[in-house]
C-alpha atoms as a PDB file:
ATOM      1  CA  UNK A   1       0.000   0.000   0.000  1.00  0.00           C
ATOM      2  CA  UNK A   2       2.907   2.352   0.723  1.00  0.00           C
ATOM      3  CA  UNK A   3       6.075   2.765  -1.305  1.00  0.00           C
ATOM      4  CA  UNK A   4       9.223   4.325   0.161  1.00  0.00           C
ATOM      5  CA  UNK A   5      11.739   5.918  -2.182  1.00  0.00           C
ATOM      6  CA  UNK A   6      14.464   8.554  -2.239  1.00  0.00           C
ATOM      7  CA  UNK A   7      13.006  12.034  -2.542  1.00  0.00           C
ATOM      8  CA  UNK A   8      13.539  14.118  -5.664  1.00  0.00           C
ATOM      9  CA  UNK A   9      13.530  17.870  -6.228  1.00  0.00           C
ATOM     10  CA  UNK A  10       9.920  17.553  -7.384  1.00  0.00           C
ATOM     11  CA  UNK A  11       8.947  16.286  -3.909  1.00  0.00           C
ATOM     12  CA  UNK A  12       9.991  19.534  -2.189  1.00  0.00           C
ATOM     13  CA  UNK A  13       6.496  21.122  -2.098  1.00  0.00           C
ATOM     14  CA  UNK A  14       5.098  17.955  -0.483  1.00  0.00           C
ATOM     15  CA  UNK A  15       8.043  17.724   1.939  1.00  0.00           C
ATOM     16  CA  UNK A  16       7.501  21.374   2.858  1.00  0.00           C
ATOM     17  CA  UNK A  17       3.812  20.695   3.531  1.00  0.00           C
ATOM     18  CA  UNK A  18       4.776  17.776   5.779  1.00  0.00           C
ATOM     19  CA  UNK A  19       7.287  19.968   7.635  1.00  0.00           C
ATOM     20  CA  UNK A  20       4.545  22.545   8.232  1.00  0.00           C
ATOM     21  CA  UNK A  21       2.233  19.771   9.448  1.00  0.00           C
ATOM     22  CA  UNK A  22       4.916  18.551  11.859  1.00  0.00           C
ATOM     23  CA  UNK A  23       5.436  22.085  13.165  1.00  0.00           C
ATOM     24  CA  UNK A  24       1.703  22.362  13.792  1.00  0.00           C
ATOM     25  CA  UNK A  25       1.734  19.006  15.623  1.00  0.00           C
ATOM     26  CA  UNK A  26       4.637  20.248  17.747  1.00  0.00           C
ATOM     27  CA  UNK A  27       2.819  23.521  18.450  1.00  0.00           C
ATOM     28  CA  UNK A  28       5.553  25.528  16.709  1.00  0.00           C
ATOM     29  CA  UNK A  29       3.964  26.587  13.415  1.00  0.00           C
ATOM     30  CA  UNK A  30       5.512  30.053  13.514  1.00  0.00           C
ATOM     31  CA  UNK A  31       9.036  28.688  13.794  1.00  0.00           C
ATOM     32  CA  UNK A  32       9.283  27.284  10.258  1.00  0.00           C
ATOM     33  CA  UNK A  33      11.455  29.716   8.306  1.00  0.00           C
ATOM     34  CA  UNK A  34      12.555  27.490   5.432  1.00  0.00           C
ATOM     35  CA  UNK A  35      10.990  27.736   1.962  1.00  0.00           C
ATOM     36  CA  UNK A  36      10.379  25.229  -0.806  1.00  0.00           C
ATOM     37  CA  UNK A  37      13.143  26.929  -2.779  1.00  0.00           C
ATOM     38  CA  UNK A  38      15.595  26.532   0.095  1.00  0.00           C
ATOM     39  CA  UNK A  39      14.692  22.842   0.406  1.00  0.00           C
ATOM     40  CA  UNK A  40      15.349  22.436  -3.315  1.00  0.00           C
ATOM     41  CA  UNK A  41      18.711  24.179  -3.064  1.00  0.00           C
ATOM     42  CA  UNK A  42      19.822  22.548   0.183  1.00  0.00           C
ATOM     43  CA  UNK A  43      18.702  19.032  -0.677  1.00  0.00           C
ATOM     44  CA  UNK A  44      19.124  18.811  -4.418  1.00  0.00           C
ATOM     45  CA  UNK A  45      21.742  21.405  -5.322  1.00  0.00           C
ATOM     46  CA  UNK A  46      25.421  20.774  -6.074  1.00  0.00           C
ATOM     47  CA  UNK A  47      26.291  20.146  -2.390  1.00  0.00           C
ATOM     48  CA  UNK A  48      23.275  18.494  -0.725  1.00  0.00           C
ATOM     49  CA  UNK A  49      23.005  19.190   3.000  1.00  0.00           C
ATOM     50  CA  UNK A  50      20.338  16.548   3.644  1.00  0.00           C
ATOM     51  CA  UNK A  51      18.725  13.471   2.170  1.00  0.00           C
ATOM     52  CA  UNK A  52      15.107  12.455   2.357  1.00  0.00           C
ATOM     53  CA  UNK A  53      12.974   9.366   2.002  1.00  0.00           C
ATOM     54  CA  UNK A  54       9.364   9.793   0.936  1.00  0.00           C
ATOM     55  CA  UNK A  55       6.519   7.391   1.632  1.00  0.00           C
ATOM     56  CA  UNK A  56       3.816   7.570  -0.960  1.00  0.00           C
ATOM     57  CA  UNK A  57       0.348   6.157  -1.372  1.00  0.00           C
ATOM     58  CA  UNK A  58      -1.340   6.242  -4.754  1.00  0.00           C
ATOM     59  CA  UNK A  59       1.400   8.510  -6.075  1.00  0.00           C
ATOM     60  CA  UNK A  60       1.028  11.102  -3.286  1.00  0.00           C
ATOM     61  CA  UNK A  61       3.663  11.792  -0.620  1.00  0.00           C
ATOM     62  CA  UNK A  62       2.160  10.957   2.785  1.00  0.00           C
ATOM     63  CA  UNK A  63       5.334  10.832   4.871  1.00  0.00           C
ATOM     64  CA  UNK A  64       8.980  11.807   4.869  1.00  0.00           C
ATOM     65  CA  UNK A  65      12.180  11.129   6.756  1.00  0.00           C
ATOM     66  CA  UNK A  66      14.745  13.939   6.495  1.00  0.00           C
ATOM     67  CA  UNK A  67      18.272  12.925   7.481  1.00  0.00           C
ATOM     68  CA  UNK A  68      21.940  13.715   7.037  1.00  0.00           C
ATOM     69  CA  UNK A  69      25.396  12.415   7.852  1.00  0.00           C
ATOM     70  CA  UNK A  70      27.235  13.657  10.879  1.00  0.00           C
ATOM     71  CA  UNK A  71      30.543  12.706  12.403  1.00  0.00           C
ATOM     72  CA  UNK A  72      31.311  11.342  15.844  1.00  0.00           C
ATOM     73  CA  UNK A  73      34.858  11.645  17.096  1.00  0.00           C
ATOM     74  CA  UNK A  74      34.291   8.419  19.004  1.00  0.00           C
ATOM     75  CA  UNK A  75      32.417   6.361  16.394  1.00  0.00           C
ATOM     76  CA  UNK A  76      33.004   7.856  12.945  1.00  0.00           C
ATOM     77  CA  UNK A  77      30.255   8.426  10.375  1.00  0.00           C
ATOM     78  CA  UNK A  78      26.746   8.524  11.810  1.00  0.00           C
ATOM     79  CA  UNK A  79      23.285   9.184  10.455  1.00  0.00           C
ATOM     80  CA  UNK A  80      21.075  11.803  12.068  1.00  0.00           C
ATOM     81  CA  UNK A  81      17.310  11.648  11.568  1.00  0.00           C
ATOM     82  CA  UNK A  82      16.157  15.260  11.647  1.00  0.00           C
ATOM     83  CA  UNK A  83      12.448  14.632  11.154  1.00  0.00           C
ATOM     84  CA  UNK A  84      10.142  11.738  10.537  1.00  0.00           C
ATOM     85  CA  UNK A  85       6.665  12.991   9.716  1.00  0.00           C
ATOM     86  CA  UNK A  86       3.496  11.340   8.494  1.00  0.00           C
ATOM     87  CA  UNK A  87       0.433  13.135   7.188  1.00  0.00           C
ATOM     88  CA  UNK A  88      -2.213  13.252   9.910  1.00  0.00           C
ATOM     89  CA  UNK A  89      -4.734  11.230   7.898  1.00  0.00           C
ATOM     90  CA  UNK A  90      -2.163   8.445   7.426  1.00  0.00           C
ATOM     91  CA  UNK A  91      -0.943   8.096  11.005  1.00  0.00           C
ATOM     92  CA  UNK A  92      -1.300   4.782  12.831  1.00  0.00           C
ATOM     93  CA  UNK A  93      -1.316   2.907   9.529  1.00  0.00           C
ATOM     94  CA  UNK A  94       2.321   1.787   9.589  1.00  0.00           C
ATOM     95  CA  UNK A  95       3.737   4.560   7.381  1.00  0.00           C
ATOM     96  CA  UNK A  96       6.140   5.799  10.065  1.00  0.00           C
ATOM     97  CA  UNK A  97       7.298   2.261  10.781  1.00  0.00           C
ATOM     98  CA  UNK A  98       8.007   1.649   7.089  1.00  0.00           C
ATOM     99  CA  UNK A  99       9.930   4.928   6.781  1.00  0.00           C
ATOM    100  CA  UNK A 100      11.886   4.275   9.974  1.00  0.00           C
ATOM    101  CA  UNK A 101      12.736   0.695   8.994  1.00  0.00           C
ATOM    102  CA  UNK A 102      13.872   1.788   5.536  1.00  0.00           C
ATOM    103  CA  UNK A 103      16.076   4.471   7.058  1.00  0.00           C
ATOM    104  CA  UNK A 104      17.637   2.065   9.565  1.00  0.00           C
ATOM    105  CA  UNK A 105      18.484  -0.265   6.672  1.00  0.00           C
ATOM    106  CA  UNK A 106      19.902   2.693   4.712  1.00  0.00           C
ATOM    107  CA  UNK A 107      22.123   3.619   7.668  1.00  0.00           C
ATOM    108  CA  UNK A 108      23.426   0.065   7.752  1.00  0.00           C
ATOM    109  CA  UNK A 109      23.978  -0.008   3.991  1.00  0.00           C
ATOM    110  CA  UNK A 110      25.919   3.262   4.221  1.00  0.00           C
ATOM    111  CA  UNK A 111      28.196   1.783   6.897  1.00  0.00           C
ATOM    112  CA  UNK A 112      27.076   4.242   9.556  1.00  0.00           C
ATOM    113  CA  UNK A 113      28.334   3.528  13.063  1.00  0.00           C
ATOM    114  CA  UNK A 114      25.278   4.980  14.766  1.00  0.00           C
ATOM    115  CA  UNK A 115      21.896   6.499  14.003  1.00  0.00           C
ATOM    116  CA  UNK A 116      20.465   9.126  16.306  1.00  0.00           C
ATOM    117  CA  UNK A 117      17.444  11.400  16.582  1.00  0.00           C
ATOM    118  CA  UNK A 118      15.426  13.358  19.124  1.00  0.00           C
ATOM    119  CA  UNK A 119      11.874  12.982  20.350  1.00  0.00           C
ATOM    120  CA  UNK A 120       9.818  15.414  22.393  1.00  0.00           C
ATOM    121  CA  UNK A 121       9.153  14.268  25.956  1.00  0.00           C
ATOM    122  CA  UNK A 122       5.395  14.557  25.495  1.00  0.00           C
ATOM    123  CA  UNK A 123       5.264  12.531  22.255  1.00  0.00           C
ATOM    124  CA  UNK A 124       4.294   9.313  24.004  1.00  0.00           C
ATOM    125  CA  UNK A 125       3.277   7.528  20.807  1.00  0.00           C
ATOM    126  CA  UNK A 126       6.708   8.057  19.249  1.00  0.00           C
ATOM    127  CA  UNK A 127       8.500   7.139  22.466  1.00  0.00           C
ATOM    128  CA  UNK A 128       6.531   3.907  22.717  1.00  0.00           C
ATOM    129  CA  UNK A 129       7.371   3.115  19.086  1.00  0.00           C
ATOM    130  CA  UNK A 130      11.098   3.679  19.640  1.00  0.00           C
ATOM    131  CA  UNK A 131      11.075   1.614  22.838  1.00  0.00           C
ATOM    132  CA  UNK A 132       9.210  -1.181  21.045  1.00  0.00           C
ATOM    133  CA  UNK A 133      11.989  -1.169  18.465  1.00  0.00           C
ATOM    134  CA  UNK A 134      14.722  -1.385  21.129  1.00  0.00           C
ATOM    135  CA  UNK A 135      16.080   2.137  20.655  1.00  0.00           C
ATOM    136  CA  UNK A 136      18.198   3.551  23.435  1.00  0.00           C
ATOM    137  CA  UNK A 137      16.526   6.593  24.987  1.00  0.00           C
ATOM    138  CA  UNK A 138      19.065   8.722  26.787  1.00  0.00           C
ATOM    139  CA  UNK A 139      17.987  10.915  29.689  1.00  0.00           C
ATOM    140  CA  UNK A 140      21.528  12.023  30.515  1.00  0.00           C
ATOM    141  CA  UNK A 141      22.340  14.447  27.666  1.00  0.00           C
ATOM    142  CA  UNK A 142      20.891  17.948  27.483  1.00  0.00           C
ATOM    143  CA  UNK A 143      20.199  19.497  24.084  1.00  0.00           C
ATOM    144  CA  UNK A 144      21.901  22.857  23.509  1.00  0.00           C
ATOM    145  CA  UNK A 145      21.606  25.333  20.662  1.00  0.00           C
ATOM    146  CA  UNK A 146      22.108  28.889  19.447  1.00  0.00           C
ATOM    147  CA  UNK A 147      19.452  30.514  17.276  1.00  0.00           C
ATOM    148  CA  UNK A 148      20.348  32.749  14.328  1.00  0.00           C
ATOM    149  CA  UNK A 149      20.347  35.927  16.426  1.00  0.00           C
ATOM    150  CA  UNK A 150      22.622  34.398  19.057  1.00  0.00           C
ATOM    151  CA  UNK A 151      25.042  33.306  16.327  1.00  0.00           C
ATOM    152  CA  UNK A 152      25.168  36.851  14.961  1.00  0.00           C
ATOM    153  CA  UNK A 153      25.680  38.355  18.410  1.00  0.00           C
ATOM    154  CA  UNK A 154      28.524  35.971  19.153  1.00  0.00           C
ATOM    155  CA  UNK A 155      30.485  37.340  16.215  1.00  0.00           C
ATOM    156  CA  UNK A 156      30.273  40.964  17.417  1.00  0.00           C
END
């Protein structure tokens, strides 16, 4: 019923719509600053910054997994899953599981030493899914970041 494939430039409008849907789910709609054009450039330009798998049903994108390579000084090459999102109408139908499984296999095929991602503390459905699939959930590390303004201020 669902087919998972590598995303193409033509998928960017659908990926953008899924990103917006995820932001709404996470109660952060106003925080999405990226555009379809930036997705096209960043993912399908001469130096791609991310890769993406798309799950489709009847030729329509209903889910996406956005990921990229990162480097661990202890492990080597690793895969980071930035977002896994499924269209609201398609949730609880196995789409996320198919995307996740395909990505785990991709990480193995690429010779990655580790795959990592984040999940919000209140997303109990996702946490249960990851636990069911024997993922290690770490409560020791604290996420840290600088936003764009903080980055600019640092350079002053």
